[in-house]
N, C-alpha and C. Protein backbone atom coordinates (compact mmCIF):
# COMPACT_ATOMS: atom_id res chain seq x y z
N MET A 1 129.41 109.45 76.25
CA MET A 1 128.16 109.20 76.93
C MET A 1 127.04 108.95 75.92
N LEU A 2 127.11 109.61 74.79
CA LEU A 2 126.09 109.41 73.77
C LEU A 2 126.07 107.97 73.24
N LYS A 3 127.23 107.30 73.27
CA LYS A 3 127.25 105.89 72.86
C LYS A 3 126.49 105.03 73.87
N GLU A 4 126.63 105.35 75.15
CA GLU A 4 125.95 104.58 76.21
C GLU A 4 124.49 104.98 76.35
N GLU A 5 124.18 106.24 76.12
CA GLU A 5 122.82 106.76 76.27
C GLU A 5 122.42 107.51 75.01
N PRO A 6 122.05 106.80 73.96
CA PRO A 6 121.78 107.44 72.67
C PRO A 6 120.59 108.39 72.66
N LEU A 7 119.74 108.36 73.67
CA LEU A 7 118.59 109.26 73.70
C LEU A 7 118.92 110.63 74.28
N LEU A 8 120.15 110.82 74.74
CA LEU A 8 120.54 112.14 75.25
C LEU A 8 120.57 113.15 74.11
N ASN A 9 120.41 114.39 74.47
CA ASN A 9 120.47 115.47 73.49
C ASN A 9 121.88 115.51 72.89
N THR A 10 121.96 115.45 71.60
CA THR A 10 123.28 115.44 70.94
C THR A 10 124.01 116.78 71.04
N SER A 11 123.33 117.81 71.54
CA SER A 11 123.97 119.12 71.73
C SER A 11 124.64 119.26 73.08
N ILE A 12 124.72 118.19 73.84
CA ILE A 12 125.38 118.25 75.16
C ILE A 12 126.81 118.74 74.99
N THR A 13 127.20 119.68 75.83
CA THR A 13 128.57 120.19 75.75
C THR A 13 129.48 119.63 76.84
N HIS A 14 128.88 119.21 77.96
CA HIS A 14 129.65 118.64 79.06
C HIS A 14 128.92 117.43 79.62
N CYS A 15 129.69 116.47 80.06
CA CYS A 15 129.09 115.29 80.66
C CYS A 15 130.05 114.76 81.72
N PHE A 16 129.53 114.41 82.87
CA PHE A 16 130.34 113.90 83.96
C PHE A 16 129.81 112.55 84.39
N ARG A 17 130.68 111.62 84.65
CA ARG A 17 130.28 110.34 85.21
C ARG A 17 130.65 110.39 86.69
N VAL A 18 129.67 110.18 87.52
CA VAL A 18 129.90 110.18 88.96
C VAL A 18 129.38 108.88 89.55
N PRO A 19 129.99 108.42 90.61
CA PRO A 19 129.47 107.21 91.26
C PRO A 19 128.14 107.56 91.94
N ASP A 20 127.06 107.17 91.33
CA ASP A 20 125.73 107.53 91.81
C ASP A 20 124.89 106.27 91.86
N ALA A 21 123.80 106.35 92.58
CA ALA A 21 122.91 105.21 92.68
C ALA A 21 121.52 105.70 93.02
N ALA A 22 120.58 104.82 92.89
CA ALA A 22 119.20 105.15 93.24
C ALA A 22 118.73 104.11 94.25
N ALA A 23 117.97 104.54 95.21
CA ALA A 23 117.38 103.62 96.18
C ALA A 23 115.98 103.25 95.69
N ASP A 24 115.63 102.00 95.81
CA ASP A 24 114.32 101.53 95.41
C ASP A 24 113.39 101.68 96.62
N SER A 25 112.69 102.81 96.68
CA SER A 25 111.86 103.11 97.86
C SER A 25 110.69 102.15 97.99
N PHE A 26 110.13 101.68 96.88
CA PHE A 26 109.02 100.73 96.96
C PHE A 26 109.50 99.41 97.56
N LEU A 27 110.64 98.91 97.09
CA LEU A 27 111.19 97.67 97.62
C LEU A 27 111.59 97.85 99.09
N ALA A 28 112.19 98.98 99.42
CA ALA A 28 112.60 99.23 100.80
C ALA A 28 111.39 99.24 101.73
N ALA A 29 110.31 99.89 101.33
CA ALA A 29 109.10 99.92 102.16
C ALA A 29 108.51 98.52 102.30
N ASP A 30 108.47 97.76 101.21
CA ASP A 30 107.93 96.41 101.26
C ASP A 30 108.76 95.51 102.17
N LEU A 31 110.08 95.56 102.04
CA LEU A 31 110.95 94.73 102.87
C LEU A 31 110.88 95.14 104.34
N ASN A 32 110.75 96.44 104.59
CA ASN A 32 110.60 96.93 105.96
C ASN A 32 109.33 96.36 106.59
N ALA A 33 108.23 96.40 105.82
CA ALA A 33 106.96 95.87 106.31
C ALA A 33 107.04 94.37 106.53
N ARG A 34 107.68 93.65 105.60
CA ARG A 34 107.83 92.19 105.77
C ARG A 34 108.60 91.85 107.02
N SER A 35 109.71 92.57 107.24
CA SER A 35 110.52 92.33 108.43
C SER A 35 109.73 92.64 109.70
N ALA A 36 109.00 93.73 109.67
CA ALA A 36 108.18 94.09 110.84
C ALA A 36 107.15 93.00 111.13
N ARG A 37 106.49 92.48 110.08
CA ARG A 37 105.52 91.39 110.26
C ARG A 37 106.19 90.17 110.88
N GLN A 38 107.39 89.84 110.41
CA GLN A 38 108.13 88.68 110.94
C GLN A 38 108.46 88.85 112.42
N HIS A 39 108.48 90.11 112.87
CA HIS A 39 108.77 90.39 114.27
C HIS A 39 107.50 90.74 115.05
N GLY A 40 106.35 90.39 114.51
CA GLY A 40 105.10 90.55 115.25
C GLY A 40 104.28 91.79 114.97
N ALA A 41 104.72 92.62 114.07
CA ALA A 41 103.96 93.84 113.78
C ALA A 41 102.73 93.53 112.93
N VAL A 42 101.74 94.38 113.06
CA VAL A 42 100.56 94.34 112.21
C VAL A 42 100.62 95.58 111.33
N ILE A 43 100.56 95.39 110.03
CA ILE A 43 100.64 96.49 109.07
C ILE A 43 99.23 96.83 108.63
N LEU A 44 98.81 98.06 108.85
CA LEU A 44 97.47 98.50 108.47
C LEU A 44 97.58 99.55 107.38
N THR A 45 97.10 99.22 106.20
CA THR A 45 97.08 100.21 105.13
C THR A 45 95.70 100.86 105.09
N TYR A 46 95.62 101.99 104.44
CA TYR A 46 94.36 102.73 104.30
C TYR A 46 93.77 103.12 105.66
N HIS A 47 94.63 103.51 106.58
CA HIS A 47 94.22 104.02 107.89
C HIS A 47 94.78 105.43 108.06
N GLU A 48 93.93 106.41 108.04
CA GLU A 48 94.34 107.81 108.18
C GLU A 48 94.37 108.17 109.67
N VAL A 49 95.49 108.72 110.12
CA VAL A 49 95.60 109.14 111.52
C VAL A 49 94.79 110.41 111.73
N ILE A 50 93.87 110.34 112.69
CA ILE A 50 93.08 111.52 113.06
C ILE A 50 93.82 112.28 114.16
N HIS A 51 94.24 111.55 115.20
CA HIS A 51 95.10 112.16 116.21
C HIS A 51 95.80 111.07 117.01
N LEU A 52 96.92 111.47 117.61
CA LEU A 52 97.68 110.56 118.45
C LEU A 52 97.04 110.44 119.82
N LEU A 53 97.14 109.27 120.41
CA LEU A 53 96.60 109.01 121.74
C LEU A 53 97.75 109.03 122.74
N SER A 54 97.58 109.78 123.82
CA SER A 54 98.65 109.88 124.81
C SER A 54 98.10 109.65 126.21
N ASN A 55 99.02 109.27 127.09
CA ASN A 55 98.70 109.04 128.49
C ASN A 55 99.93 109.45 129.29
N ASN A 56 99.76 110.42 130.17
CA ASN A 56 100.89 110.93 130.96
C ASN A 56 102.05 111.37 130.06
N LYS A 57 101.73 112.10 129.01
CA LYS A 57 102.71 112.66 128.08
C LYS A 57 103.47 111.61 127.28
N GLN A 58 102.98 110.38 127.25
CA GLN A 58 103.58 109.34 126.42
C GLN A 58 102.58 108.96 125.32
N ILE A 59 103.08 108.85 124.11
CA ILE A 59 102.23 108.46 123.00
C ILE A 59 101.99 106.95 123.10
N LYS A 60 100.71 106.57 123.10
CA LYS A 60 100.32 105.17 123.28
C LYS A 60 99.70 104.57 122.04
N GLY A 61 99.32 105.42 121.06
CA GLY A 61 98.67 104.91 119.87
C GLY A 61 98.09 106.03 119.05
N ALA A 62 97.09 105.67 118.25
CA ALA A 62 96.47 106.67 117.37
C ALA A 62 95.01 106.33 117.13
N LEU A 63 94.22 107.38 117.04
CA LEU A 63 92.84 107.23 116.58
C LEU A 63 92.91 107.38 115.06
N CYS A 64 92.41 106.37 114.35
CA CYS A 64 92.52 106.36 112.90
C CYS A 64 91.16 106.21 112.25
N HIS A 65 91.10 106.60 111.00
CA HIS A 65 89.92 106.37 110.18
C HIS A 65 90.27 105.28 109.19
N ASP A 66 89.61 104.12 109.31
CA ASP A 66 89.79 103.03 108.35
C ASP A 66 89.04 103.44 107.09
N LEU A 67 89.78 103.76 106.06
CA LEU A 67 89.19 104.28 104.83
C LEU A 67 88.44 103.21 104.03
N VAL A 68 88.74 101.94 104.27
CA VAL A 68 88.05 100.86 103.56
C VAL A 68 86.70 100.58 104.22
N LYS A 69 86.70 100.45 105.55
CA LYS A 69 85.46 100.14 106.28
C LYS A 69 84.68 101.40 106.65
N ASP A 70 85.29 102.57 106.44
CA ASP A 70 84.69 103.86 106.78
C ASP A 70 84.26 103.90 108.25
N GLU A 71 85.24 103.58 109.12
CA GLU A 71 84.96 103.61 110.55
C GLU A 71 86.22 104.05 111.30
N GLN A 72 86.01 104.57 112.51
CA GLN A 72 87.14 104.96 113.34
C GLN A 72 87.60 103.76 114.16
N VAL A 73 88.91 103.70 114.35
CA VAL A 73 89.49 102.61 115.13
C VAL A 73 90.63 103.18 115.98
N GLN A 74 90.69 102.74 117.23
CA GLN A 74 91.80 103.13 118.10
C GLN A 74 92.85 102.03 118.03
N ILE A 75 94.08 102.43 117.79
CA ILE A 75 95.18 101.49 117.67
C ILE A 75 96.20 101.83 118.75
N TYR A 76 96.55 100.84 119.57
CA TYR A 76 97.52 101.05 120.64
C TYR A 76 98.78 100.25 120.33
N ALA A 77 99.93 100.81 120.69
CA ALA A 77 101.21 100.15 120.43
C ALA A 77 102.22 100.56 121.48
N SER A 78 103.19 99.69 121.71
CA SER A 78 104.26 100.03 122.66
C SER A 78 105.23 101.03 122.05
N ILE A 79 105.33 101.05 120.73
CA ILE A 79 106.17 102.02 120.02
C ILE A 79 105.33 102.63 118.91
N VAL A 80 105.30 103.94 118.83
CA VAL A 80 104.57 104.64 117.78
C VAL A 80 105.59 105.44 116.96
N VAL A 81 105.60 105.22 115.66
CA VAL A 81 106.49 105.92 114.75
C VAL A 81 105.65 106.83 113.86
N ASN A 82 105.98 108.10 113.86
CA ASN A 82 105.30 109.06 113.00
C ASN A 82 106.10 109.15 111.70
N ALA A 83 105.64 108.43 110.69
CA ALA A 83 106.32 108.42 109.40
C ALA A 83 105.39 108.99 108.34
N ALA A 84 104.81 110.14 108.64
CA ALA A 84 103.76 110.72 107.81
C ALA A 84 104.28 111.67 106.74
N GLY A 85 105.58 111.68 106.51
CA GLY A 85 106.13 112.53 105.46
C GLY A 85 105.82 113.99 105.69
N ALA A 86 105.25 114.64 104.68
CA ALA A 86 104.95 116.07 104.76
C ALA A 86 103.92 116.40 105.85
N TRP A 87 103.20 115.39 106.32
CA TRP A 87 102.17 115.60 107.35
C TRP A 87 102.68 115.32 108.75
N VAL A 88 103.97 115.04 108.94
CA VAL A 88 104.49 114.67 110.26
C VAL A 88 104.24 115.76 111.30
N GLY A 89 104.37 117.01 110.94
CA GLY A 89 104.12 118.12 111.87
C GLY A 89 102.66 118.19 112.27
N LYS A 90 101.78 117.99 111.32
CA LYS A 90 100.34 118.03 111.58
C LYS A 90 99.94 116.90 112.54
N ILE A 91 100.47 115.71 112.32
CA ILE A 91 100.17 114.55 113.18
C ILE A 91 100.74 114.80 114.59
N ALA A 92 101.97 115.24 114.68
CA ALA A 92 102.60 115.49 115.98
C ALA A 92 101.83 116.54 116.77
N ALA A 93 101.32 117.54 116.08
CA ALA A 93 100.58 118.62 116.75
C ALA A 93 99.33 118.10 117.46
N THR A 94 98.76 116.98 117.00
CA THR A 94 97.57 116.43 117.66
C THR A 94 97.87 115.95 119.07
N ALA A 95 99.16 115.77 119.38
CA ALA A 95 99.57 115.37 120.73
C ALA A 95 100.31 116.50 121.43
N GLY A 96 100.24 117.71 120.87
CA GLY A 96 100.90 118.85 121.48
C GLY A 96 102.40 118.89 121.26
N ILE A 97 102.87 118.19 120.25
CA ILE A 97 104.30 118.16 119.94
C ILE A 97 104.55 119.04 118.72
N ALA A 98 105.45 120.00 118.87
CA ALA A 98 105.75 120.92 117.76
C ALA A 98 106.95 120.41 116.97
N ILE A 99 106.75 120.17 115.68
CA ILE A 99 107.82 119.79 114.77
C ILE A 99 107.78 120.76 113.60
N GLN A 100 108.88 121.44 113.37
CA GLN A 100 108.95 122.40 112.28
C GLN A 100 109.11 121.66 110.96
N MET A 101 108.15 121.81 110.09
CA MET A 101 108.19 121.17 108.78
C MET A 101 107.94 122.22 107.70
N ILE A 102 108.59 122.07 106.59
CA ILE A 102 108.31 122.89 105.42
C ILE A 102 107.84 121.92 104.34
N PRO A 103 106.54 121.65 104.30
CA PRO A 103 106.06 120.67 103.32
C PRO A 103 106.17 121.22 101.90
N GLY A 104 106.26 120.31 100.98
CA GLY A 104 106.33 120.69 99.59
C GLY A 104 105.43 119.82 98.74
N LYS A 105 104.98 120.37 97.65
CA LYS A 105 104.23 119.56 96.69
C LYS A 105 105.12 119.36 95.48
N GLY A 106 104.92 118.27 94.82
CA GLY A 106 105.75 118.01 93.66
C GLY A 106 105.17 116.93 92.79
N THR A 107 105.79 116.75 91.67
CA THR A 107 105.34 115.75 90.72
C THR A 107 106.55 115.03 90.15
N MET A 108 106.42 113.73 90.07
CA MET A 108 107.36 112.93 89.31
C MET A 108 106.51 112.09 88.37
N VAL A 109 106.98 111.87 87.19
CA VAL A 109 106.24 111.12 86.19
C VAL A 109 106.96 109.81 85.92
N ALA A 110 106.22 108.71 85.94
CA ALA A 110 106.79 107.41 85.60
C ALA A 110 106.26 106.99 84.23
N VAL A 111 107.14 106.53 83.39
CA VAL A 111 106.73 106.00 82.09
C VAL A 111 106.95 104.49 82.10
N ASN A 112 106.24 103.77 81.25
CA ASN A 112 106.19 102.32 81.34
C ASN A 112 107.36 101.59 80.68
N HIS A 113 108.46 102.26 80.47
CA HIS A 113 109.65 101.59 79.95
C HIS A 113 110.90 102.36 80.37
N ARG A 114 112.04 101.70 80.26
CA ARG A 114 113.31 102.36 80.59
C ARG A 114 113.74 103.21 79.41
N LEU A 115 113.92 104.50 79.66
CA LEU A 115 114.40 105.40 78.60
C LEU A 115 115.93 105.40 78.54
N VAL A 116 116.56 105.22 79.69
CA VAL A 116 118.01 105.27 79.80
C VAL A 116 118.48 104.13 80.71
N ASN A 117 119.78 103.93 80.75
CA ASN A 117 120.34 102.86 81.58
C ASN A 117 120.98 103.38 82.86
N THR A 118 121.27 104.68 82.90
CA THR A 118 121.90 105.28 84.07
C THR A 118 121.09 106.50 84.51
N ILE A 119 121.32 106.95 85.72
CA ILE A 119 120.66 108.15 86.21
C ILE A 119 121.20 109.35 85.44
N ILE A 120 120.30 110.17 84.94
CA ILE A 120 120.68 111.37 84.19
C ILE A 120 120.23 112.57 84.99
N ASN A 121 121.17 113.46 85.32
CA ASN A 121 120.86 114.67 86.08
C ASN A 121 121.39 115.86 85.32
N ARG A 122 120.61 116.92 85.28
CA ARG A 122 121.00 118.11 84.49
C ARG A 122 122.07 118.96 85.17
N CYS A 123 122.52 118.62 86.35
CA CYS A 123 123.61 119.33 87.04
C CYS A 123 123.39 120.83 87.08
N LYS A 124 122.26 121.22 87.59
CA LYS A 124 121.95 122.64 87.75
C LYS A 124 121.15 122.79 89.04
N LEU A 125 120.84 124.02 89.40
CA LEU A 125 120.03 124.22 90.58
C LEU A 125 118.70 123.49 90.40
N PRO A 126 118.15 122.90 91.48
CA PRO A 126 116.90 122.15 91.36
C PRO A 126 115.77 122.97 90.75
N SER A 127 115.06 122.33 89.82
CA SER A 127 113.89 122.94 89.20
C SER A 127 113.07 121.82 88.59
N ASP A 128 112.19 122.16 87.69
CA ASP A 128 111.34 121.16 87.07
C ASP A 128 112.13 120.26 86.11
N GLY A 129 111.80 118.99 86.14
CA GLY A 129 112.34 118.04 85.17
C GLY A 129 113.85 117.94 85.15
N ASP A 130 114.49 117.89 86.31
CA ASP A 130 115.95 117.93 86.32
C ASP A 130 116.62 116.58 86.50
N ILE A 131 115.84 115.48 86.59
CA ILE A 131 116.46 114.18 86.77
C ILE A 131 115.63 113.10 86.09
N LEU A 132 116.31 112.08 85.61
CA LEU A 132 115.69 110.92 84.99
C LEU A 132 116.32 109.68 85.62
N VAL A 133 115.48 108.85 86.24
CA VAL A 133 115.98 107.70 86.98
C VAL A 133 115.35 106.42 86.42
N PRO A 134 116.17 105.52 85.87
CA PRO A 134 115.64 104.23 85.46
C PRO A 134 115.45 103.35 86.70
N ALA A 135 114.32 102.67 86.79
CA ALA A 135 114.04 101.81 87.93
C ALA A 135 113.32 100.57 87.43
N HIS A 136 113.97 99.44 87.53
CA HIS A 136 113.41 98.18 87.03
C HIS A 136 113.03 98.34 85.56
N THR A 137 111.75 98.22 85.24
CA THR A 137 111.30 98.29 83.84
C THR A 137 110.71 99.64 83.48
N VAL A 138 110.81 100.63 84.37
CA VAL A 138 110.24 101.96 84.12
C VAL A 138 111.31 103.04 84.24
N SER A 139 110.93 104.24 83.91
CA SER A 139 111.77 105.42 84.14
C SER A 139 110.95 106.44 84.90
N VAL A 140 111.56 107.09 85.86
CA VAL A 140 110.90 108.12 86.65
C VAL A 140 111.56 109.45 86.33
N MET A 141 110.74 110.43 85.96
CA MET A 141 111.24 111.76 85.60
C MET A 141 110.70 112.77 86.61
N GLY A 142 111.50 113.74 86.94
CA GLY A 142 111.04 114.77 87.86
C GLY A 142 112.06 115.87 87.89
N THR A 143 112.04 116.63 88.83
CA THR A 143 111.11 116.74 89.94
C THR A 143 110.61 118.16 90.01
N THR A 144 109.56 118.34 90.76
CA THR A 144 109.17 119.69 91.16
C THR A 144 109.10 119.67 92.67
N ASP A 145 109.34 120.77 93.29
CA ASP A 145 109.18 120.88 94.73
C ASP A 145 108.89 122.33 95.05
N ILE A 146 107.65 122.57 95.44
CA ILE A 146 107.20 123.92 95.76
C ILE A 146 106.76 123.93 97.21
N LYS A 147 107.31 124.84 98.01
CA LYS A 147 106.94 124.94 99.42
C LYS A 147 105.47 125.35 99.55
N VAL A 148 104.76 124.65 100.46
CA VAL A 148 103.35 124.94 100.69
C VAL A 148 103.09 124.90 102.19
N SER A 149 102.01 125.54 102.63
CA SER A 149 101.69 125.51 104.06
C SER A 149 100.95 124.25 104.44
N ASP A 150 100.17 123.67 103.52
CA ASP A 150 99.40 122.47 103.81
C ASP A 150 99.46 121.54 102.60
N PRO A 151 100.17 120.41 102.69
CA PRO A 151 100.30 119.53 101.53
C PRO A 151 98.97 118.92 101.09
N THR A 152 98.01 118.79 101.99
CA THR A 152 96.71 118.22 101.63
C THR A 152 95.95 119.15 100.71
N ALA A 153 96.01 120.44 100.98
CA ALA A 153 95.24 121.42 100.19
C ALA A 153 95.98 121.84 98.94
N SER A 154 97.18 121.39 98.76
CA SER A 154 98.01 121.85 97.65
C SER A 154 98.21 120.75 96.62
N VAL A 155 97.15 120.40 95.95
CA VAL A 155 97.21 119.37 94.91
C VAL A 155 97.73 120.01 93.64
N LEU A 156 98.74 119.41 93.06
CA LEU A 156 99.35 119.94 91.84
C LEU A 156 98.50 119.52 90.65
N SER A 157 98.07 120.47 89.86
CA SER A 157 97.26 120.20 88.68
C SER A 157 98.15 119.99 87.48
N LEU A 158 97.94 118.90 86.78
CA LEU A 158 98.71 118.62 85.58
C LEU A 158 98.02 119.16 84.35
N GLY A 159 96.82 119.73 84.50
CA GLY A 159 96.12 120.30 83.35
C GLY A 159 95.40 119.21 82.57
N SER A 160 94.97 119.57 81.40
CA SER A 160 94.25 118.61 80.56
C SER A 160 94.82 118.63 79.16
N CYS A 161 94.59 117.54 78.48
CA CYS A 161 95.05 117.44 77.10
C CYS A 161 93.92 117.79 76.16
N ALA A 162 94.21 118.53 75.14
CA ALA A 162 93.17 118.90 74.18
C ALA A 162 93.32 118.10 72.90
């Protein structure tokens, strides 16, 4: 493995090759949005959901804050998808829907070049800095995941450099 990945620690005692892969989440989101547009969807970025709008116990849309124009806007749709990640429970609760979520805060660091050619995982229980993923022309290192009650109020501080 050291021949293929010369930046690995030369003190490695064990190495396993497994059929692994990484999903390109940025490309997947972009292609999903493109496909949705091709099928008539309108994609609105920078719109924060304030609460879901319902009628007769059916979700009909959302009241949003347009962060660019700094104004509220009501958006109605025949299908509403709550894809709010760690905030999905908070958004659902605005319509009286209970979804059990355990949000987490975390950090991944991207560097502006590829450090390795394959995914490198430390093969241990999850903790800080346990994976390195090359993606296109960058490398993503991580991860941390700490359970929190409110992901908005739990901003991870990276500290300062002296």
